[in-house]
Protein backbone atom coordinates (compact mmCIF):
# COMPACT_ATOMS: atom_id res chain seq x y z
CA MET A 1 8.56 55.88 -9.13
CA ALA A 2 12.18 55.34 -10.08
CA SER A 3 14.88 57.81 -11.03
CA TRP A 4 18.57 57.45 -11.78
CA TYR A 5 21.85 58.87 -10.57
CA ALA A 6 25.02 59.40 -12.53
CA PRO A 7 28.08 60.47 -10.53
CA SER A 8 30.52 57.56 -10.43
CA GLY A 9 33.17 57.02 -7.80
CA HIS A 10 31.31 57.71 -4.53
CA ARG A 11 31.19 54.92 -2.00
CA SER A 12 27.95 52.94 -2.13
CA ALA A 13 26.22 51.80 1.05
CA ASN A 14 27.55 48.26 0.49
CA GLY A 15 31.13 49.62 0.60
CA ASP A 16 31.88 49.33 -3.13
CA SER A 17 32.73 52.27 -5.35
CA TYR A 18 29.64 53.25 -7.37
CA ASP A 19 30.01 52.62 -11.10
CA GLY A 20 27.27 54.05 -13.30
CA ASN A 21 28.09 51.46 -15.99
CA SER A 22 27.11 48.57 -13.69
CA LEU A 23 23.57 47.26 -13.43
CA THR A 24 22.88 48.40 -9.87
CA ALA A 25 20.26 50.29 -7.89
CA ALA A 26 19.67 52.12 -4.64
CA HIS A 27 16.68 51.18 -2.48
CA ARG A 28 15.86 52.36 1.05
CA THR A 29 14.92 49.04 2.64
CA LEU A 30 15.71 46.01 0.48
CA PRO A 31 18.72 44.13 1.88
CA MET A 32 22.06 44.76 0.18
CA GLY A 33 22.73 42.27 -2.56
CA THR A 34 19.06 41.72 -3.38
CA VAL A 35 18.63 41.07 -7.11
CA ILE A 36 15.53 42.72 -8.57
CA ARG A 37 13.88 42.96 -11.97
CA VAL A 38 12.81 46.51 -12.74
CA THR A 39 10.21 47.08 -15.46
CA ASN A 40 9.36 50.52 -16.82
CA LEU A 41 5.55 50.49 -16.97
CA SER A 42 5.47 53.01 -19.83
CA THR A 43 7.86 51.18 -22.15
CA SER A 44 7.77 47.58 -20.82
CA GLN A 45 11.58 47.59 -20.91
CA SER A 46 13.14 45.69 -18.03
CA VAL A 47 16.52 44.97 -16.50
CA THR A 48 17.87 42.89 -13.64
CA VAL A 49 19.96 44.83 -11.11
CA ARG A 50 21.60 44.30 -7.72
CA VAL A 51 20.84 46.61 -4.76
CA THR A 52 24.17 48.12 -3.71
CA ASP A 53 23.19 51.49 -2.26
CA ARG A 54 20.60 53.31 -0.15
CA GLY A 55 18.20 55.85 -1.56
CA PRO A 56 16.48 57.59 -3.16
CA PHE A 57 15.85 60.12 -0.44
CA VAL A 58 13.25 62.02 -2.44
CA ARG A 59 9.55 61.84 -1.58
CA GLY A 60 7.55 59.65 -3.91
CA ARG A 61 10.53 57.71 -5.29
CA VAL A 62 11.41 54.19 -4.27
CA LEU A 63 14.36 53.34 -6.51
CA ASP A 64 17.44 55.02 -7.98
CA LEU A 65 18.93 53.20 -10.95
CA SER A 66 22.53 53.34 -12.15
CA THR A 67 23.04 55.08 -15.49
CA ALA A 68 23.33 51.73 -17.31
CA ALA A 69 20.15 50.38 -15.71
CA ALA A 70 18.30 53.62 -16.48
CA LYS A 71 19.31 53.37 -20.14
CA ALA A 72 18.25 49.70 -20.28
CA THR A 73 14.77 50.55 -18.98
CA GLY A 74 14.15 53.83 -20.79
CA VAL A 75 14.17 55.76 -17.49
CA TYR A 76 17.32 57.61 -18.60
CA ARG A 77 15.55 59.86 -21.10
CA MET A 78 12.42 60.28 -18.97
CA GLY A 79 14.35 61.06 -15.78
CA VAL A 80 11.61 59.55 -13.62
CA ALA A 81 9.25 56.69 -14.46
CA GLN A 82 6.72 54.43 -12.84
CA VAL A 83 8.22 50.96 -12.46
CA ARG A 84 7.38 47.49 -11.20
CA ILE A 85 9.97 45.89 -8.90
CA GLU A 86 10.16 42.11 -8.56
CA VAL A 87 12.60 40.36 -6.22
CA VAL A 88 14.52 37.74 -8.19
CA GLN A 89 16.98 36.76 -5.44
CA PRO A 90 16.70 38.02 -1.87
CA GLY A 91 19.76 39.54 -0.24
CA VAL A 92 20.81 38.93 3.31
CA ALA A 93 18.93 41.14 5.77
CA ALA A 94 21.14 43.55 7.68
CA ALA A 95 21.74 42.65 11.28
CA ALA A 96 20.59 45.11 13.90
CA SER A 97 24.20 45.43 15.03
CA GLY A 98 26.44 47.82 13.18
CA LYS A 99 26.56 51.57 12.71
CA TRP A 100 23.25 53.24 11.86
CA CYS A 101 22.10 56.78 11.11
CA VAL A 102 18.91 58.55 10.09
CA GLN A 103 18.77 60.10 6.62
CA VAL A 104 16.44 63.08 7.00
CA GLY A 105 16.73 65.11 3.85
CA ALA A 106 18.04 65.26 0.29
CA PHE A 107 18.11 68.58 -1.52
CA ALA A 108 19.13 69.84 -4.94
CA ASP A 109 20.85 72.84 -3.39
CA GLU A 110 23.18 73.32 -0.43
CA TYR A 111 21.19 76.21 1.04
CA HIS A 112 18.12 74.12 1.96
CA ALA A 113 20.29 71.34 3.37
CA ALA A 114 22.12 73.86 5.57
CA MET A 115 18.81 75.31 6.76
CA LEU A 116 17.54 71.87 7.79
CA LYS A 117 20.85 71.11 9.48
CA ALA A 118 20.62 74.32 11.54
CA GLU A 119 17.04 73.50 12.56
CA LEU A 120 17.95 69.95 13.59
CA LEU A 121 21.06 71.06 15.49
CA ARG A 122 18.84 72.99 17.90
CA ARG A 123 16.89 69.84 18.72
CA TYR A 124 19.37 66.97 18.48
CA SER A 125 22.77 68.43 19.46
CA THR A 126 23.04 66.25 22.58
CA THR A 127 21.75 62.94 21.14
CA ALA A 128 23.16 62.95 17.61
CA LYS A 129 25.69 64.56 15.35
CA VAL A 130 23.85 66.45 12.61
CA ILE A 131 25.75 66.44 9.33
CA GLU A 132 25.09 67.96 5.93
CA PHE A 133 27.18 66.91 2.94
CA ALA A 134 27.23 66.56 -0.83
CA GLY A 135 25.82 63.15 -1.78
CA ALA A 136 25.38 61.36 -5.08
CA THR A 137 22.14 63.16 -5.93
CA GLY A 138 22.51 66.53 -4.21
CA TYR A 139 22.99 67.63 -0.61
CA TRP A 140 22.06 65.24 2.18
CA VAL A 141 21.32 65.74 5.87
CA ARG A 142 21.81 62.94 8.38
CA LEU A 143 21.48 62.46 12.11
CA ASN A 144 24.20 60.17 13.44
CA PRO A 145 23.23 58.89 16.91
CA VAL A 146 25.93 59.31 19.56
CA GLY A 147 26.21 55.52 20.00
CA GLY A 148 25.45 54.73 16.37
CA ASP A 149 23.28 51.70 17.08
CA ARG A 150 20.01 50.83 15.37
CA ALA A 151 17.85 51.32 18.49
CA GLN A 152 19.11 54.90 18.90
CA ALA A 153 18.61 55.63 15.19
CA THR A 154 15.08 54.22 15.35
CA ALA A 155 14.24 56.36 18.40
CA ILE A 156 15.49 59.50 16.63
CA ALA A 157 13.56 58.65 13.45
CA GLN A 158 10.36 58.17 15.46
CA SER A 159 10.88 61.45 17.34
CA LEU A 160 10.90 63.61 14.22
CA ARG A 161 7.83 65.82 14.17
CA PRO A 162 5.48 65.73 11.17
CA SER A 163 5.54 69.54 11.31
CA GLU A 164 9.12 69.38 10.06
CA ALA A 165 7.85 69.33 6.49
CA ALA A 166 11.26 68.86 4.88
CA VAL A 167 11.98 65.80 7.00
CA GLN A 168 11.23 62.25 5.97
CA ALA A 169 13.31 59.78 7.98
CA TRP A 170 14.97 56.61 6.71
CA LEU A 171 17.28 54.34 8.67
CA VAL A 172 20.58 53.82 6.87
CA ARG A 173 23.27 51.33 7.82
CA LEU A 174 26.70 52.89 7.45
CA ASP A 175 28.88 49.81 7.67
């Protein structure tokens, strides 16, 4: 399932300023710079985009399209659509070095993000900084490991309990 996001101007995970008029997408795991062809399975419309951001952080969705890409595929009017993703040109895989965090929640409203932050602060206050902030698609909650390396982020992601229903962990590279 793919969706789209509109607010321009925020900093994308690749460091560029997000521009909704560009043919770009956000994916949780594909390397930055990967070029993919996205086809809306309902309309057969397709577009080629470059992965420049991380997301979506919503259960059941694997891709967030820029406004222009959403319009090109017919996802814009639908809001969410089932798509096929084909890698056209692989990007360069991110090195394990760098600054990493764990994205643990994305919410439409600030209240639920603040509630999750408070819950996670009780458990992770000594091993990670728990932050809640307005993101491109709502309010996000992240755990930033004290050292910021990938091994620490991975350990935190694996320690999250399944009973924390609002939590679905994704590793995100910040640099």
